[in-house]
Amino acid sequence: MYEDGSQSSTNMSGKCHLYCPVNCSCNGLSLTCSSDNAPTYATSLTFHGLVQESLEINKERFPNVRELNILHSKVIFLNVNEYLQIETISIKYSEIDTVVIHRLQEGIFRYIGIIGSSLVRLRILQYWIRYVEFRVQNSSLNDTTSDLEVYDGENSLTMTKTRGFPAFIRSKISMVINFTSCNLTEQQDLYYNTIVFDLSHNLLKSWKMISYTQILYIHHNLLTSLNYTVDIRQSEPRLQYLDLSYNKIFRIYNEDMSNLPNLLYLMLQNNRLTYIEDKAFEKLSELIYLDLSNNQLKILKRSHFLHLSSLQYLYIQNNYVQVTEGMFDGLMNILYLQVDSYTLCCAQPKAVSKIQCLAPINEISSCSQLIDIPLLSIIIWYIALFAVFGNIFGTFYGLYIRKTKSSFVIYSINLGIADFLMGIYLYIIAGANIKFSGRYGFEDNAWRHSPSCTFAGVLATLSSEASALFVLSITIDRILIVRFPFSVLGQRIRIAKITSGFVWVISLLLSLLPLFGNEYFEDYYSSSGICISLPLSVLRKPGWEYSMAIFVGANFVIFIGILIGQLVIFVDVVRMGKDVTSQPLNQRRREIDLAKTLIVVAVTDMFCWIPIGTIGLLTLMGTDVTTRVYAWIIVVVLPINSALNPLIYTFSAILRQKGQQVERNISISF
C-alpha cells in the first residue's frame, strides 16, 4: 500500500509492476474506476458509477488512453480534449449535461456510442472524420442547435429509439445512416453521401430521395401515397432497394415510379393498396423483386407486368386478385411466384419453362379439371346414376306399387327424396367438370360464385342432414313397433308425417342459414369447387366452426342414437326369433326382415359418417389429410349412402314380396 492509497498490481503482460488506486479495479492496462483519479498509464479507461461535476480527458493526464467508457454515471461536464489517440468513446446508461469532444487524432478514431443515456448538449468539434461508426440507442438530446458536420466521411450512423439526435446531424455525412424509431415527423436536410438510409418506424408522411442513396428503408411510417421529392442535382437516382412496407399507401399512379429506373427491389407489402394504374411499373425494367402481398388488391393484369422482363420474384398473396388468362405473360425471367390460389399459378407465362409457384394446395381441382383424379371423375357419374334413378324408383314403388300405408313407408319415401337430392348435386358437379374441362383454373372463381354452385351446396347439405335424420327416425319407429306391436296404425302414420315435416324444416334451415348470415359465412359454399364446406382440412375456411358442428358434432350425436337403437332392435329380433308363440308367424317374419334391412342401412351409414367424423376431429386437432383422401371422401364416401339406400330398402322389399308370393303359391298348391 502506497501513501496515496494506491496498491501494487501486476499488469497482464507481467513485464512491470504498476499501481492501482483503491477505488479502481485493474486488469493490466484496463481500469474501471468510480472516480477520476485513474493512473496515467491506462489504455482502456472505464468510469463506472461516477458522480461529479466535471471529467476532463486530456493528453497530459491520459496520454495512452485508446478506449473511454462512461457507465451508470452522472456528470455535469465531460470534456475530451484534442489530439488524443482515442479510438472508442462509449456512454451507457448515464446522465450528462454537456459533452464536448474536440478534434481527435485523424485516422485512429473509430466509434462513438451513446446507449440508454440522457444528454442536454453535445458538441463534436471535429470536421474531418473518416470510417467512424456513430451509434445512438434509447437516448435523448435536448439541445439540437449545433450541427455535426463531417465532410467526405465514409461513416456509419445508427440512431434507434432516440430523441433529438437525428436533428443534431444535418450536413453531408455518413455512408450509412439509421434513424429507426426516432419519432421523426419529417425528414431532415439531405445527406448527399449517404448510401444506406434507414427511416423506418417513424411518423413520416412524405420522404426525400437523393441521387447517391442506393438502399432506403421507410417501412412502418404513415405514408398514404408515394409522396416524395427527388434531388438529382448531382446525378440520376441510384436507388436499388426501396422498402415502403407497413404504411398506409392505397394507390400507385403511373408517374410514381418514373424516377426509379435503377430499382432492383421494391417492397410494398402490408399497405392498403386497392388500385395500381396500368403503367405504374413501366420504368422498372431492371426490377428483380416485387412484394405486393397483404394488401387489398382486386385487379392485377398483363399491363402491370408487361415491362417487368427482369423480374424474378413476385409475391401477391393475401390479396383478392382473380386470375385472368395471360396476366403474367410479361414476366420472361420469373423464377418464384407466391399467390393466394392455385388458379393464379395456371396463368404462369408459357414462355418460362421452370417456375416455382407457391399456393395453397387445392383438395380436388387442378388448372385443367374440377375433379383432377380421372377415376373419381368417372365414378361420380355412376354414383349419381344410382342415387337419382334408384331413389326415383324407390319413391315410385313406395307410393304406387307397394300400396301399403305405414310409418315405415312414409319415412322410406322421405329418405328416398333426400338421397335423390344428393344425386342431383353429384350430376351438377359432374356436369361442371365436363363443361370446364381443360381450362377449369380460369373458370374457378366464376363457377364457385355462381348460383349453380350455391344451389348444389344447399342440396348437398340438405340431403346429408335430412338423410341422417330420417335414418334416425326409422330406427326409433322400428323400436316402437317392435316394443308396441299393437299400437294404433293411424296414430303412427300421423306421427311419421309430422316428424318428416319437422326433419325437412330443420334440414332446410341448416342448409340455408349460411346464405343469410353475416361476414362469418362469407363464401361458405363457394370456398371449394365442389360447393360444399366440409371441415376436413386444417385450413380454416369461412364458417368452419358451423360446418364442424353440423357435419361432425350433430351427425356424431345422430349416429350414436342410431347405434344404440340398432342394439335395441338386435336384442328384440333375437328375442322374437326365440319366442315362436308370442305373435303370428307372418308378422314376426315381416318385423324381423324389416329390422335386418334397417340394420344394414344403419351399418352402411356408419361406414360413411365415421370416416368423415374421424377426419374432422383430426383436422380440428391440427392433423391434415392428403388431398387424395379428401377427394375420395367428397366424391365417394359422402354420397355413397344415397346410392345404396334404395338398393337396400326397395330391392330388398321387392325380393321379400316375391318370396312371400312364392310361399303363398306353394301353400295353395298343397
Foldseek 3Di string as FASTA:
>chain_A
DDPVQWDWDAEPVRPDIDTAHPQWDDHHLAIEGCEQPGAQSHQHYEHEAHEDAEHEAECVRHVRHAHYEYYCYEYAEYEYDEAHQHAEYEYELYEYAEYEAAHYDAPRHAEYEYELYEYAYYHYHYAEHENHEYAYENYEYNDQPAEDHYPPYAYAAAHALYENVQSNHAEADYLHHHNHNHQDAAHGHDHANHAHYEPDQYAYQAEEAEANHAAYHHANYAHQAHHYYYHQVPHQHNHAHYAHDHYAHAEAELCSCVSPLNYAEYHHAHYAHAYYDLNNCQSPLNYAYYEHDHYAYADQFQSNQQSNQNHAYYEHAHYNYADDAQRNQNPQRYAEYEYAAQLNVLRHHPNDDHHHYHYPDALADHQFFQGPPVVLLVVLLVLLVLLAVLLVVLLCCLPPPVPDDFLLSLLLNLLSVLSNLLSVLSVLLSVVRVVRGGGCSNCLQVQLPDPSLLSSQLSLQLSLQLNLQSLLVSLVLLLCCLVCVPDDRVVRRVVSVVSSVVSNVVSNCLSCVLVPDDPLSVSVQSPGSSRYRALLFLDDDRPSVSNCCRLAVVSVVSLVSSVVSLVSLVVSLVVLVVPCPPDDPVVNVVSNLVSVLSVVLSVLVCQLRVVSNVSSVCSVVPDHDHSVVVSCNVSPSSSNSSSCSSVSPVVSVVVVVVVVVVVVVVVVVD
